[in-house]
PDB file of N, CA and C in Angstrom:
ATOM      1  N   MET A   1      -8.692   0.551  -1.279  1.00  0.00           N
ATOM      2  CA  MET A   1      -8.335   0.861  -0.149  1.00  0.00           C
ATOM      3  C   MET A   1      -9.438   1.337   0.676  1.00  0.00           C
ATOM      4  N   GLN A   2      -9.407   1.180   2.133  1.00  0.00           N
ATOM      5  CA  GLN A   2     -10.787   1.800   2.806  1.00  0.00           C
ATOM      6  C   GLN A   2     -10.110   2.604   3.831  1.00  0.00           C
ATOM      7  N   ARG A   3     -11.198   3.612   4.410  1.00  0.00           N
ATOM      8  CA  ARG A   3     -10.810   4.503   5.468  1.00  0.00           C
ATOM      9  C   ARG A   3     -10.490   3.528   6.801  1.00  0.00           C
ATOM     10  N   VAL A   4      -9.322   4.100   7.624  1.00  0.00           N
ATOM     11  CA  VAL A   4      -9.296   3.009   8.886  1.00  0.00           C
ATOM     12  C   VAL A   4     -10.453   3.841   9.970  1.00  0.00           C
ATOM     13  N   ALA A   5     -10.881   2.988  10.860  1.00  0.00           N
ATOM     14  CA  ALA A   5     -11.607   3.713  11.880  1.00  0.00           C
ATOM     15  C   ALA A   5     -10.815   4.674  12.786  1.00  0.00           C
ATOM     16  N   GLU A   6     -11.656   5.620  13.395  1.00  0.00           N
ATOM     17  CA  GLU A   6     -10.908   6.672  14.267  1.00  0.00           C
ATOM     18  C   GLU A   6     -10.077   6.117  15.308  1.00  0.00           C
ATOM     19  N   GLU A   7     -10.700   4.651  15.908  1.00  0.00           N
ATOM     20  CA  GLU A   7      -9.902   4.149  17.240  1.00  0.00           C
ATOM     21  C   GLU A   7      -8.421   3.583  16.642  1.00  0.00           C
ATOM     22  N   GLU A   8      -8.325   3.051  15.321  1.00  0.00           N
ATOM     23  CA  GLU A   8      -7.170   2.616  14.542  1.00  0.00           C
ATOM     24  C   GLU A   8      -6.319   3.906  14.616  1.00  0.00           C
ATOM     25  N   VAL A   9      -6.728   5.030  14.179  1.00  0.00           N
ATOM     26  CA  VAL A   9      -5.801   6.073  13.818  1.00  0.00           C
ATOM     27  C   VAL A   9      -5.319   6.786  15.052  1.00  0.00           C
ATOM     28  N   ALA A  10      -6.392   6.607  16.197  1.00  0.00           N
ATOM     29  CA  ALA A  10      -5.801   7.123  17.441  1.00  0.00           C
ATOM     30  C   ALA A  10      -4.792   6.385  18.286  1.00  0.00           C
ATOM     31  N   ALA A  11      -5.005   5.030  17.853  1.00  0.00           N
ATOM     32  CA  ALA A  11      -4.012   3.873  18.439  1.00  0.00           C
ATOM     33  C   ALA A  11      -2.549   4.091  17.925  1.00  0.00           C
ATOM     34  N   ALA A  12      -2.593   4.357  16.649  1.00  0.00           N
ATOM     35  CA  ALA A  12      -1.374   4.500  15.871  1.00  0.00           C
ATOM     36  C   ALA A  12      -0.590   5.678  16.294  1.00  0.00           C
ATOM     37  N   LEU A  13      -1.479   6.833  16.275  1.00  0.00           N
ATOM     38  CA  LEU A  13      -0.632   8.214  16.680  1.00  0.00           C
ATOM     39  C   LEU A  13      -0.396   8.022  18.040  1.00  0.00           C
ATOM     40  N   ALA A  14      -0.794   7.160  18.973  1.00  0.00           N
ATOM     41  CA  ALA A  14      -0.523   7.198  20.259  1.00  0.00           C
ATOM     42  C   ALA A  14       0.958   6.437  20.351  1.00  0.00           C
ATOM     43  N   GLY A  15       1.403   5.727  19.388  1.00  0.00           N
ATOM     44  CA  GLY A  15       2.642   5.219  19.339  1.00  0.00           C
ATOM     45  C   GLY A  15       3.654   6.149  18.383  1.00  0.00           C
ATOM     46  N   MET A  16       3.284   6.974  17.959  1.00  0.00           N
ATOM     47  CA  MET A  16       4.033   7.969  17.354  1.00  0.00           C
ATOM     48  C   MET A  16       4.276   9.211  17.566  1.00  0.00           C
ATOM     49  N   PRO A  17       4.855   9.458  18.552  1.00  0.00           N
ATOM     50  CA  PRO A  17       4.929  11.042  19.331  1.00  0.00           C
ATOM     51  C   PRO A  17       5.218  12.281  18.275  1.00  0.00           C
ATOM     52  N   GLY A  18       4.168  13.214  18.057  1.00  0.00           N
ATOM     53  CA  GLY A  18       4.463  14.243  17.371  1.00  0.00           C
ATOM     54  C   GLY A  18       3.699  14.315  16.217  1.00  0.00           C
ATOM     55  N   TRP A  19       3.177  13.162  15.883  1.00  0.00           N
ATOM     56  CA  TRP A  19       2.263  13.166  14.745  1.00  0.00           C
ATOM     57  C   TRP A  19       0.803  13.594  15.365  1.00  0.00           C
ATOM     58  N   GLU A  20       0.190  14.754  14.530  1.00  0.00           N
ATOM     59  CA  GLU A  20      -0.951  15.268  14.988  1.00  0.00           C
ATOM     60  C   GLU A  20      -2.338  14.851  13.906  1.00  0.00           C
ATOM     61  N   ARG A  21      -3.608  15.100  14.354  1.00  0.00           N
ATOM     62  CA  ARG A  21      -4.409  14.833  13.261  1.00  0.00           C
ATOM     63  C   ARG A  21      -5.059  16.126  13.065  1.00  0.00           C
ATOM     64  N   HIS A  22      -5.160  16.421  11.791  1.00  0.00           N
ATOM     65  CA  HIS A  22      -5.806  17.638  11.463  1.00  0.00           C
ATOM     66  C   HIS A  22      -6.920  17.157  10.477  1.00  0.00           C
ATOM     67  N   ASP A  23      -8.052  17.238  10.798  1.00  0.00           N
ATOM     68  CA  ASP A  23      -9.289  16.891   9.733  1.00  0.00           C
ATOM     69  C   ASP A  23      -8.964  15.460   9.327  1.00  0.00           C
ATOM     70  N   GLU A  24      -8.835  15.375   8.134  1.00  0.00           N
ATOM     71  CA  GLU A  24      -8.805  13.920   7.296  1.00  0.00           C
ATOM     72  C   GLU A  24      -7.227  13.828   7.016  1.00  0.00           C
ATOM     73  N   THR A  25      -6.259  14.385   7.970  1.00  0.00           N
ATOM     74  CA  THR A  25      -4.735  14.315   7.649  1.00  0.00           C
ATOM     75  C   THR A  25      -4.154  13.962   8.836  1.00  0.00           C
ATOM     76  N   ILE A  26      -3.045  13.432   8.746  1.00  0.00           N
ATOM     77  CA  ILE A  26      -2.061  13.389   9.992  1.00  0.00           C
ATOM     78  C   ILE A  26      -0.912  14.048   9.531  1.00  0.00           C
ATOM     79  N   ALA A  27      -0.136  14.731  10.521  1.00  0.00           N
ATOM     80  CA  ALA A  27       0.884  15.487  10.073  1.00  0.00           C
ATOM     81  C   ALA A  27       2.329  15.669  11.198  1.00  0.00           C
ATOM     82  N   LYS A  28       3.526  15.977  10.704  1.00  0.00           N
ATOM     83  CA  LYS A  28       4.460  16.078  11.558  1.00  0.00           C
ATOM     84  C   LYS A  28       5.401  16.899  11.063  1.00  0.00           C
ATOM     85  N   THR A  29       5.864  17.769  11.667  1.00  0.00           N
ATOM     86  CA  THR A  29       7.297  18.572  11.237  1.00  0.00           C
ATOM     87  C   THR A  29       8.494  17.737  11.969  1.00  0.00           C
ATOM     88  N   PHE A  30       9.549  17.579  11.158  1.00  0.00           N
ATOM     89  CA  PHE A  30      10.958  17.021  11.475  1.00  0.00           C
ATOM     90  C   PHE A  30      11.742  18.348  11.452  1.00  0.00           C
ATOM     91  N   LYS A  31      12.661  18.431  12.486  1.00  0.00           N
ATOM     92  CA  LYS A  31      13.699  19.320  12.200  1.00  0.00           C
ATOM     93  C   LYS A  31      15.165  18.702  11.862  1.00  0.00           C
ATOM     94  N   ARG A  32      15.920  19.356  11.167  1.00  0.00           N
ATOM     95  CA  ARG A  32      17.530  18.716  10.747  1.00  0.00           C
ATOM     96  C   ARG A  32      18.438  19.995  10.954  1.00  0.00           C
ATOM     97  N   ALA A  33      19.549  19.572  10.862  1.00  0.00           N
ATOM     98  CA  ALA A  33      20.367  20.421  11.387  1.00  0.00           C
ATOM     99  C   ALA A  33      20.555  21.712  10.236  1.00  0.00           C
ATOM    100  N   ASP A  34      20.487  21.331   9.270  1.00  0.00           N
ATOM    101  CA  ASP A  34      20.367  22.348   8.101  1.00  0.00           C
ATOM    102  C   ASP A  34      19.601  21.952   6.775  1.00  0.00           C
ATOM    103  N   PHE A  35      19.616  22.864   5.842  1.00  0.00           N
ATOM    104  CA  PHE A  35      19.115  22.702   4.601  1.00  0.00           C
ATOM    105  C   PHE A  35      19.171  21.411   3.876  1.00  0.00           C
ATOM    106  N   VAL A  36      20.388  21.220   3.784  1.00  0.00           N
ATOM    107  CA  VAL A  36      21.111  19.947   3.077  1.00  0.00           C
ATOM    108  C   VAL A  36      20.598  18.741   3.656  1.00  0.00           C
ATOM    109  N   GLN A  37      20.720  18.562   5.005  1.00  0.00           N
ATOM    110  CA  GLN A  37      20.097  17.552   5.550  1.00  0.00           C
ATOM    111  C   GLN A  37      18.671  17.283   5.637  1.00  0.00           C
ATOM    112  N   ALA A  38      17.993  18.474   5.728  1.00  0.00           N
ATOM    113  CA  ALA A  38      16.617  18.384   5.398  1.00  0.00           C
ATOM    114  C   ALA A  38      16.348  17.710   4.111  1.00  0.00           C
ATOM    115  N   MET A  39      16.926  18.371   2.956  1.00  0.00           N
ATOM    116  CA  MET A  39      16.807  17.827   1.601  1.00  0.00           C
ATOM    117  C   MET A  39      17.106  16.226   1.545  1.00  0.00           C
ATOM    118  N   GLU A  40      18.380  16.062   2.347  1.00  0.00           N
ATOM    119  CA  GLU A  40      18.655  14.229   2.086  1.00  0.00           C
ATOM    120  C   GLU A  40      17.603  13.552   2.952  1.00  0.00           C
ATOM    121  N   PHE A  41      16.878  14.179   3.976  1.00  0.00           N
ATOM    122  CA  PHE A  41      15.527  13.360   4.492  1.00  0.00           C
ATOM    123  C   PHE A  41      14.584  13.553   3.530  1.00  0.00           C
ATOM    124  N   VAL A  42      14.329  14.077   2.843  1.00  0.00           N
ATOM    125  CA  VAL A  42      13.147  14.388   2.051  1.00  0.00           C
ATOM    126  C   VAL A  42      13.362  13.370   0.682  1.00  0.00           C
ATOM    127  N   ASN A  43      14.738  13.121   0.326  1.00  0.00           N
ATOM    128  CA  ASN A  43      15.167  12.331  -0.769  1.00  0.00           C
ATOM    129  C   ASN A  43      14.947  10.931  -0.249  1.00  0.00           C
ATOM    130  N   ALA A  44      15.466  10.641   0.735  1.00  0.00           N
ATOM    131  CA  ALA A  44      15.497   9.120   1.252  1.00  0.00           C
ATOM    132  C   ALA A  44      13.548   8.901   1.412  1.00  0.00           C
ATOM    133  N   LEU A  45      13.053   9.741   1.861  1.00  0.00           N
ATOM    134  CA  LEU A  45      11.459   9.770   2.236  1.00  0.00           C
ATOM    135  C   LEU A  45      10.723   9.591   0.789  1.00  0.00           C
ATOM    136  N   ALA A  46      11.248  10.335  -0.287  1.00  0.00           N
ATOM    137  CA  ALA A  46      10.610  10.234  -1.701  1.00  0.00           C
ATOM    138  C   ALA A  46      10.914   8.733  -2.134  1.00  0.00           C
ATOM    139  N   VAL A  47      12.228   8.303  -1.943  1.00  0.00           N
ATOM    140  CA  VAL A  47      12.289   6.690  -2.399  1.00  0.00           C
ATOM    141  C   VAL A  47      11.305   5.768  -1.710  1.00  0.00           C
ATOM    142  N   MET A  48      11.067   5.860  -0.305  1.00  0.00           N
ATOM    143  CA  MET A  48      10.202   5.133   0.393  1.00  0.00           C
ATOM    144  C   MET A  48       8.853   5.346   0.047  1.00  0.00           C
ATOM    145  N   ALA A  49       8.414   6.785  -0.482  1.00  0.00           N
ATOM    146  CA  ALA A  49       7.094   6.792  -0.712  1.00  0.00           C
ATOM    147  C   ALA A  49       6.692   6.222  -2.435  1.00  0.00           C
ATOM    148  N   GLU A  50       7.747   6.159  -3.132  1.00  0.00           N
ATOM    149  CA  GLU A  50       7.648   5.935  -4.242  1.00  0.00           C
ATOM    150  C   GLU A  50       7.553   4.192  -4.255  1.00  0.00           C
ATOM    151  N   ASP A  51       8.298   3.643  -3.384  1.00  0.00           N
ATOM    152  CA  ASP A  51       8.208   2.198  -3.182  1.00  0.00           C
ATOM    153  C   ASP A  51       6.976   1.761  -2.723  1.00  0.00           C
ATOM    154  N   ALA A  52       6.066   2.684  -1.883  1.00  0.00           N
ATOM    155  CA  ALA A  52       4.967   2.088  -1.347  1.00  0.00           C
ATOM    156  C   ALA A  52       3.899   2.694  -2.424  1.00  0.00           C
ATOM    157  N   ARG A  53       4.001   3.448  -3.158  1.00  0.00           N
ATOM    158  CA  ARG A  53       2.855   4.025  -4.114  1.00  0.00           C
ATOM    159  C   ARG A  53       2.252   4.868  -3.632  1.00  0.00           C
ATOM    160  N   HIS A  54       2.406   5.593  -2.296  1.00  0.00           N
ATOM    161  CA  HIS A  54       1.762   6.418  -1.435  1.00  0.00           C
ATOM    162  C   HIS A  54       2.672   7.548  -1.221  1.00  0.00           C
ATOM    163  N   HIS A  55       2.363   9.006  -1.910  1.00  0.00           N
ATOM    164  CA  HIS A  55       2.975   9.898  -1.798  1.00  0.00           C
ATOM    165  C   HIS A  55       2.527  11.077  -0.689  1.00  0.00           C
ATOM    166  N   PRO A  56       2.891  11.536   0.222  1.00  0.00           N
ATOM    167  CA  PRO A  56       2.894  12.615   1.051  1.00  0.00           C
ATOM    168  C   PRO A  56       3.112  13.855   0.671  1.00  0.00           C
ATOM    169  N   ASP A  57       2.144  14.981   1.156  1.00  0.00           N
ATOM    170  CA  ASP A  57       2.660  16.328   0.924  1.00  0.00           C
ATOM    171  C   ASP A  57       3.593  16.578   1.794  1.00  0.00           C
ATOM    172  N   ILE A  58       4.616  17.364   1.165  1.00  0.00           N
ATOM    173  CA  ILE A  58       6.007  17.879   1.800  1.00  0.00           C
ATOM    174  C   ILE A  58       5.996  19.354   1.800  1.00  0.00           C
ATOM    175  N   ASP A  59       6.463  19.983   2.859  1.00  0.00           N
ATOM    176  CA  ASP A  59       6.464  21.217   2.929  1.00  0.00           C
ATOM    177  C   ASP A  59       8.172  21.593   3.504  1.00  0.00           C
ATOM    178  N   ILE A  60       8.714  22.102   2.752  1.00  0.00           N
ATOM    179  CA  ILE A  60      10.358  22.244   3.199  1.00  0.00           C
ATOM    180  C   ILE A  60      10.490  23.677   3.574  1.00  0.00           C
ATOM    181  N   ARG A  61      10.944  24.087   4.682  1.00  0.00           N
ATOM    182  CA  ARG A  61      11.080  25.537   5.010  1.00  0.00           C
ATOM    183  C   ARG A  61      12.482  25.157   5.929  1.00  0.00           C
ATOM    184  N   TYR A  62      13.632  25.605   5.258  1.00  0.00           N
ATOM    185  CA  TYR A  62      15.012  25.605   5.654  1.00  0.00           C
ATOM    186  C   TYR A  62      15.496  24.087   6.026  1.00  0.00           C
ATOM    187  N   ASN A  63      15.481  24.194   7.548  1.00  0.00           N
ATOM    188  CA  ASN A  63      15.663  22.831   8.184  1.00  0.00           C
ATOM    189  C   ASN A  63      14.472  22.177   8.772  1.00  0.00           C
ATOM    190  N   ARG A  64      13.283  22.368   8.345  1.00  0.00           N
ATOM    191  CA  ARG A  64      11.954  21.985   8.877  1.00  0.00           C
ATOM    192  C   ARG A  64      11.137  21.237   7.678  1.00  0.00           C
ATOM    193  N   VAL A  65      10.996  20.081   8.017  1.00  0.00           N
ATOM    194  CA  VAL A  65      10.358  19.257   6.868  1.00  0.00           C
ATOM    195  C   VAL A  65       8.780  18.799   7.403  1.00  0.00           C
ATOM    196  N   THR A  66       7.728  19.241   6.943  1.00  0.00           N
ATOM    197  CA  THR A  66       6.319  18.961   7.355  1.00  0.00           C
ATOM    198  C   THR A  66       5.882  18.086   6.465  1.00  0.00           C
ATOM    199  N   ILE A  67       5.727  17.001   6.760  1.00  0.00           N
ATOM    200  CA  ILE A  67       4.678  15.748   6.268  1.00  0.00           C
ATOM    201  C   ILE A  67       3.364  15.889   6.664  1.00  0.00           C
ATOM    202  N   ARG A  68       2.676  15.569   5.598  1.00  0.00           N
ATOM    203  CA  ARG A  68       1.306  15.637   5.947  1.00  0.00           C
ATOM    204  C   ARG A  68       0.581  14.231   4.982  1.00  0.00           C
ATOM    205  N   LEU A  69       0.016  13.308   5.445  1.00  0.00           N
ATOM    206  CA  LEU A  69      -0.581  12.054   4.925  1.00  0.00           C
ATOM    207  C   LEU A  69      -1.858  11.925   4.849  1.00  0.00           C
ATOM    208  N   THR A  70      -2.572  11.748   3.784  1.00  0.00           N
ATOM    209  CA  THR A  70      -4.192  11.248   3.551  1.00  0.00           C
ATOM    210  C   THR A  70      -4.058  10.431   2.377  1.00  0.00           C
ATOM    211  N   THR A  71      -5.169  10.019   2.330  1.00  0.00           N
ATOM    212  CA  THR A  71      -5.244   9.264   0.826  1.00  0.00           C
ATOM    213  C   THR A  71      -6.499  10.084   0.321  1.00  0.00           C
ATOM    214  N   HIS A  72      -6.105  10.698  -0.952  1.00  0.00           N
ATOM    215  CA  HIS A  72      -7.295  11.590  -1.436  1.00  0.00           C
ATOM    216  C   HIS A  72      -8.165  10.822  -2.198  1.00  0.00           C
ATOM    217  N   ASP A  73      -7.836   9.558  -2.654  1.00  0.00           N
ATOM    218  CA  ASP A  73      -8.850   8.614  -3.348  1.00  0.00           C
ATOM    219  C   ASP A  73     -10.027   8.455  -2.526  1.00  0.00           C
ATOM    220  N   VAL A  74      -9.711   8.044  -1.189  1.00  0.00           N
ATOM    221  CA  VAL A  74     -10.929   7.971  -0.344  1.00  0.00           C
ATOM    222  C   VAL A  74     -11.385   9.240   0.621  1.00  0.00           C
ATOM    223  N   GLY A  75     -10.697  10.128   0.749  1.00  0.00           N
ATOM    224  CA  GLY A  75     -10.881  11.360   1.282  1.00  0.00           C
ATOM    225  C   GLY A  75     -10.875  11.288   2.911  1.00  0.00           C
ATOM    226  N   GLY A  76      -9.754  10.565   3.113  1.00  0.00           N
ATOM    227  CA  GLY A  76      -9.381  10.448   4.618  1.00  0.00           C
ATOM    228  C   GLY A  76      -8.185   9.162   4.639  1.00  0.00           C
ATOM    229  N   LEU A  77      -7.924   8.899   6.039  1.00  0.00           N
ATOM    230  CA  LEU A  77      -6.950   8.199   6.205  1.00  0.00           C
ATOM    231  C   LEU A  77      -7.362   6.618   5.858  1.00  0.00           C
ATOM    232  N   THR A  78      -6.118   5.962   5.372  1.00  0.00           N
ATOM    233  CA  THR A  78      -5.980   4.626   5.461  1.00  0.00           C
ATOM    234  C   THR A  78      -5.042   3.674   6.007  1.00  0.00           C
ATOM    235  N   GLN A  79      -4.974   2.619   5.665  1.00  0.00           N
ATOM    236  CA  GLN A  79      -3.673   2.008   6.599  1.00  0.00           C
ATOM    237  C   GLN A  79      -2.318   2.270   5.701  1.00  0.00           C
ATOM    238  N   ALA A  80      -2.518   2.904   4.289  1.00  0.00           N
ATOM    239  CA  ALA A  80      -1.372   3.049   3.735  1.00  0.00           C
ATOM    240  C   ALA A  80      -0.782   4.453   4.258  1.00  0.00           C
ATOM    241  N   ASP A  81      -1.345   5.138   4.786  1.00  0.00           N
ATOM    242  CA  ASP A  81      -1.217   6.602   5.635  1.00  0.00           C
ATOM    243  C   ASP A  81      -0.345   6.252   6.749  1.00  0.00           C
ATOM    244  N   LEU A  82      -1.103   5.283   7.748  1.00  0.00           N
ATOM    245  CA  LEU A  82      -0.288   4.845   8.808  1.00  0.00           C
ATOM    246  C   LEU A  82       0.937   4.220   8.552  1.00  0.00           C
ATOM    247  N   ASP A  83       0.963   3.125   7.724  1.00  0.00           N
ATOM    248  CA  ASP A  83       2.271   2.624   7.299  1.00  0.00           C
ATOM    249  C   ASP A  83       3.231   3.557   7.195  1.00  0.00           C
ATOM    250  N   LEU A  84       2.863   4.480   6.081  1.00  0.00           N
ATOM    251  CA  LEU A  84       4.021   5.470   5.896  1.00  0.00           C
ATOM    252  C   LEU A  84       4.644   6.254   6.752  1.00  0.00           C
ATOM    253  N   ALA A  85       3.537   6.623   7.879  1.00  0.00           N
ATOM    254  CA  ALA A  85       3.954   7.383   8.793  1.00  0.00           C
ATOM    255  C   ALA A  85       4.914   6.559   9.859  1.00  0.00           C
ATOM    256  N   LEU A  86       4.731   5.515   9.775  1.00  0.00           N
ATOM    257  CA  LEU A  86       5.695   4.656  10.829  1.00  0.00           C
ATOM    258  C   LEU A  86       6.962   4.268  10.032  1.00  0.00           C
ATOM    259  N   GLY A  87       6.941   4.327   8.525  1.00  0.00           N
ATOM    260  CA  GLY A  87       8.176   4.135   8.000  1.00  0.00           C
ATOM    261  C   GLY A  87       8.951   5.309   8.144  1.00  0.00           C
ATOM    262  N   ILE A  88       8.329   6.301   8.194  1.00  0.00           N
ATOM    263  CA  ILE A  88       8.913   7.696   8.092  1.00  0.00           C
ATOM    264  C   ILE A  88       9.719   8.190   9.373  1.00  0.00           C
ATOM    265  N   GLU A  89       9.127   7.633  10.529  1.00  0.00           N
ATOM    266  CA  GLU A  89       9.481   7.536  11.721  1.00  0.00           C
ATOM    267  C   GLU A  89      10.938   6.619  11.790  1.00  0.00           C
ATOM    268  N   GLY A  90      11.149   5.622  11.326  1.00  0.00           N
ATOM    269  CA  GLY A  90      11.966   5.043  11.437  1.00  0.00           C
ATOM    270  C   GLY A  90      13.295   5.539  10.499  1.00  0.00           C
ATOM    271  N   LEU A  91      12.755   6.179   9.395  1.00  0.00           N
ATOM    272  CA  LEU A  91      13.602   6.926   8.469  1.00  0.00           C
ATOM    273  C   LEU A  91      14.191   7.971   9.381  1.00  0.00           C
ATOM    274  N   ALA A  92      13.310   8.798  10.080  1.00  0.00           N
ATOM    275  CA  ALA A  92      13.907   9.988  10.949  1.00  0.00           C
ATOM    276  C   ALA A  92      14.722   9.563  12.069  1.00  0.00           C
ATOM    277  N   GLY A  93      14.460   8.422  12.597  1.00  0.00           N
ATOM    278  CA  GLY A  93      15.640   7.832  13.492  1.00  0.00           C
ATOM    279  C   GLY A  93      15.086   8.526  14.806  1.00  0.00           C
TER     280      GLY A  93
END
């Protein structure tokens, strides 16, 4: 797996509102109605991530779920991060 070019990251983020670049990661916070819905979102995301064999960092604070993506093996963003972010967007609705 190789890191993606900065232009590719910028283009992908332009099509995914709310995702922000933080150094070598991209992140977004999703808000749900309550804790149970936040956990249902995380559980569905876990299945997606496992199927992709690419696992995000997840922070849960009651009804807010922050997802942070990077590919640790290459020390930055890869196509797997961008693909998973897009999948998460679809899951979030």
